[in-house]
Amino acid sequence: MPYQAHRSHSMGSERHQFRVGPKVASAQADAFEHEHRIALPLAYREFLVELGGSGAGPFYGLLPLEDCRLFTMDRQPPDGTPRGFHHVDHPDALQGDRFLHIVEMGCSDLCLIGVTGPLTGRVLTGNADGFWQANVSSARDFLSWYERWLDHMRDGKDNPALGLTSPPTVASAPWGPRVTAPRAR
């Protein structure tokens, strides 16, 4: 992917450099599930065990399993503002559906996968402090979501939900490359 001439810019790719980290041993995944009393969604678990346990992914990349933390979604505030998330051990965390933090987005932004409840296996993004509305991906599972990231990047698409910026947008962005006019001789 890094050698595709017209690929999208993937925010944070400097960190993972499009390399997938070592695979997770099945025993390690079993121990994680036992310790946290959850079952990892099948497509996500298969990715970790068969392809790689960290690295290349949207934003700053996939977190190593040992760095993944469980969150719950906050109640809808009465004023209708977006919901936030709390780590399951936080005193304000609700008892309810659990989400595993799987991708580093930076600051208090979270990329999670549902591990219990109706969103099990679905990837969603949100903000721990409720600064913006949570977004549930339309991809049916982790692998479909990951493939969408690869496909959209390869095809040079803008996709903010996956941290992708198209080549034309990069070229015109204040942080993108600048084209200078040739000097008159």
Protein backbone atom coordinates (compact mmCIF):
# COMPACT_ATOMS: atom_id res chain seq x y z
CA MET A 1 0.00 0.00 0.00
CA PRO A 2 2.71 2.60 0.74
CA TYR A 3 3.88 2.34 -2.89
CA GLN A 4 0.48 2.97 -4.49
CA ALA A 5 0.94 6.23 -6.41
CA HIS A 6 -2.62 7.53 -6.07
CA ARG A 7 -3.60 6.09 -2.70
CA SER A 8 -5.27 8.14 -0.01
CA HIS A 9 -3.25 9.59 2.82
CA SER A 10 -3.88 7.49 5.92
CA MET A 11 -3.63 9.61 9.04
CA GLY A 12 -1.11 8.13 11.46
CA SER A 13 0.46 5.71 8.99
CA GLU A 14 3.86 7.13 9.92
CA ARG A 15 3.51 5.24 13.18
CA HIS A 16 2.63 1.79 11.84
CA GLN A 17 4.28 2.20 8.40
CA PHE A 18 1.76 -0.26 6.94
CA ARG A 19 3.32 -3.16 8.84
CA VAL A 20 1.23 -5.66 10.76
CA GLY A 21 2.65 -6.73 14.12
CA PRO A 22 3.20 -10.32 15.25
CA LYS A 23 0.24 -12.67 15.36
CA VAL A 24 -1.49 -13.33 18.67
CA ALA A 25 -1.26 -16.91 19.88
CA SER A 26 -4.64 -18.62 20.35
CA ALA A 27 -3.70 -19.23 23.99
CA GLN A 28 -3.10 -15.49 24.47
CA ALA A 29 -6.50 -14.66 22.93
CA ASP A 30 -8.12 -17.32 25.17
CA ALA A 31 -6.44 -15.82 28.25
CA PHE A 32 -7.59 -12.31 27.29
CA GLU A 33 -11.17 -13.53 26.86
CA HIS A 34 -11.08 -15.38 30.17
CA GLU A 35 -9.55 -12.44 32.06
CA HIS A 36 -12.13 -9.98 30.72
CA ARG A 37 -15.07 -12.43 30.65
CA ILE A 38 -15.83 -11.74 26.99
CA ALA A 39 -15.60 -13.53 23.66
CA LEU A 40 -13.69 -11.64 20.99
CA PRO A 41 -15.82 -11.26 17.84
CA LEU A 42 -14.84 -14.08 15.49
CA ALA A 43 -13.61 -11.99 12.52
CA TYR A 44 -11.49 -9.82 14.85
CA ARG A 45 -10.06 -12.84 16.68
CA GLU A 46 -9.23 -14.57 13.38
CA PHE A 47 -7.43 -11.45 12.16
CA LEU A 48 -5.33 -11.29 15.34
CA VAL A 49 -4.46 -14.99 15.32
CA GLU A 50 -3.98 -15.53 11.57
CA LEU A 51 -2.77 -12.17 10.18
CA GLY A 52 -1.35 -9.89 12.84
CA GLY A 53 -1.94 -8.64 16.35
CA SER A 54 -1.23 -4.92 15.92
CA GLY A 55 0.08 -2.30 13.54
CA ALA A 56 -1.30 -1.39 10.12
CA GLY A 57 -4.81 -0.05 10.35
CA PRO A 58 -6.86 3.13 10.26
CA PHE A 59 -5.58 6.17 12.14
CA TYR A 60 -2.51 5.30 14.26
CA GLY A 61 -3.07 1.57 13.84
CA LEU A 62 -4.35 -1.51 15.60
CA LEU A 63 -3.56 -1.71 19.28
CA PRO A 64 -1.79 -4.79 20.61
CA LEU A 65 -4.33 -6.98 22.41
CA GLU A 66 -2.67 -6.34 25.78
CA ASP A 67 -3.32 -2.59 25.33
CA CYS A 68 -7.01 -2.99 24.41
CA ARG A 69 -9.38 -1.80 27.12
CA LEU A 70 -13.10 -2.34 27.65
CA PHE A 71 -15.52 0.57 27.63
CA THR A 72 -19.24 1.11 28.13
CA MET A 73 -21.30 3.80 26.41
CA ASP A 74 -22.72 6.54 28.63
CA ARG A 75 -26.43 7.26 28.90
CA GLN A 76 -27.89 9.70 26.42
CA PRO A 77 -27.65 13.13 28.09
CA PRO A 78 -31.05 14.79 28.67
CA ASP A 79 -30.06 17.73 26.44
CA GLY A 80 -29.51 15.37 23.49
CA THR A 81 -25.76 15.97 23.22
CA PRO A 82 -23.65 13.01 22.05
CA ARG A 83 -22.85 10.13 24.38
CA GLY A 84 -19.38 9.51 25.70
CA PHE A 85 -17.68 6.32 26.88
CA HIS A 86 -16.11 5.23 30.17
CA HIS A 87 -13.59 2.51 30.90
CA VAL A 88 -15.49 -0.37 32.56
CA ASP A 89 -13.55 0.09 35.83
CA HIS A 90 -14.46 3.79 36.09
CA PRO A 91 -16.95 4.55 38.90
CA ASP A 92 -19.28 6.30 36.41
CA ALA A 93 -19.30 3.38 33.95
CA LEU A 94 -22.71 1.87 33.32
CA GLN A 95 -23.37 -1.83 33.50
CA GLY A 96 -24.28 -2.86 30.01
CA ASP A 97 -22.94 -3.51 26.55
CA ARG A 98 -19.17 -3.56 26.29
CA PHE A 99 -16.89 -2.25 23.60
CA LEU A 100 -13.20 -3.05 23.13
CA HIS A 101 -10.85 -0.21 22.19
CA ILE A 102 -8.94 -1.64 19.18
CA VAL A 103 -7.47 1.28 17.20
CA GLU A 104 -5.52 4.29 18.41
CA MET A 105 -7.17 7.46 17.08
CA GLY A 106 -5.50 10.00 19.37
CA CYS A 107 -6.73 12.27 22.16
CA SER A 108 -10.02 11.03 23.60
CA ASP A 109 -11.31 9.63 20.29
CA LEU A 110 -12.02 5.90 20.31
CA CYS A 111 -12.33 3.18 17.70
CA LEU A 112 -14.08 0.24 19.31
CA ILE A 113 -15.58 -3.12 18.48
CA GLY A 114 -18.74 -4.34 20.18
CA VAL A 115 -18.10 -7.43 22.31
CA THR A 116 -21.51 -7.76 23.98
CA GLY A 117 -25.02 -6.69 23.05
CA PRO A 118 -26.62 -5.92 19.68
CA LEU A 119 -23.45 -4.29 18.27
CA THR A 120 -21.25 -7.35 18.88
CA GLY A 121 -18.71 -7.59 16.07
CA ARG A 122 -19.47 -4.12 14.68
CA VAL A 123 -16.83 -1.38 14.67
CA LEU A 124 -17.75 2.07 15.91
CA THR A 125 -15.97 5.34 16.50
CA GLY A 126 -16.79 7.83 19.20
CA ASN A 127 -15.31 10.23 21.68
CA ALA A 128 -14.82 9.32 25.34
CA ASP A 129 -15.99 12.78 26.39
CA GLY A 130 -18.96 12.88 24.00
CA PHE A 131 -17.53 15.69 21.86
CA TRP A 132 -19.12 14.13 18.77
CA GLN A 133 -21.79 11.58 17.93
CA ALA A 134 -20.70 7.93 17.89
CA ASN A 135 -20.71 6.35 14.43
CA VAL A 136 -21.42 2.65 13.85
CA SER A 137 -19.79 1.35 10.68
CA SER A 138 -22.06 -0.24 8.11
CA ALA A 139 -19.45 -3.01 7.68
CA ARG A 140 -20.87 -6.27 9.03
CA ASP A 141 -17.71 -7.28 10.91
CA PHE A 142 -14.10 -6.34 11.62
CA LEU A 143 -12.66 -7.94 8.50
CA SER A 144 -15.15 -6.14 6.20
CA TRP A 145 -14.33 -2.87 7.97
CA TYR A 146 -10.56 -3.44 7.60
CA GLU A 147 -10.93 -4.38 3.92
CA ARG A 148 -12.93 -1.18 3.37
CA TRP A 149 -10.00 0.80 4.78
CA LEU A 150 -7.59 -0.94 2.39
CA ASP A 151 -9.92 -0.60 -0.62
CA HIS A 152 -10.71 3.07 0.00
CA MET A 153 -7.05 3.88 0.51
CA ARG A 154 -6.02 2.03 -2.65
CA ASP A 155 -8.76 3.81 -4.62
CA GLY A 156 -7.72 7.27 -3.37
CA LYS A 157 -10.99 8.02 -1.57
CA ASP A 158 -11.78 10.48 1.20
CA ASN A 159 -13.18 8.66 4.21
CA PRO A 160 -12.92 10.58 7.50
CA ALA A 161 -14.45 7.63 9.39
CA LEU A 162 -11.33 5.64 8.42
CA GLY A 163 -8.85 8.51 8.70
CA LEU A 164 -8.35 8.71 4.91
CA THR A 165 -7.78 11.81 2.80
CA SER A 166 -7.78 11.65 -1.02
CA PRO A 167 -4.80 12.88 -3.06
CA PRO A 168 -6.67 15.99 -4.37
CA THR A 169 -7.67 16.96 -0.84
CA VAL A 170 -4.13 16.40 0.44
CA ALA A 171 -2.74 18.57 -2.36
CA SER A 172 -5.01 21.48 -1.44
CA ALA A 173 -4.80 21.12 2.36
CA PRO A 174 -2.74 23.63 4.36
CA TRP A 175 -0.75 20.68 5.75
CA GLY A 176 -0.34 19.05 2.32
CA PRO A 177 2.48 19.50 -0.16
CA ARG A 178 2.80 22.93 -1.69
CA VAL A 179 3.24 23.43 -5.41
CA THR A 180 5.46 26.37 -6.17
CA ALA A 181 5.47 28.23 -9.46
CA PRO A 182 8.65 27.92 -11.49
CA ARG A 183 10.98 30.90 -11.17
CA ALA A 184 11.20 33.30 -14.09
CA ARG A 185 14.64 33.32 -15.76
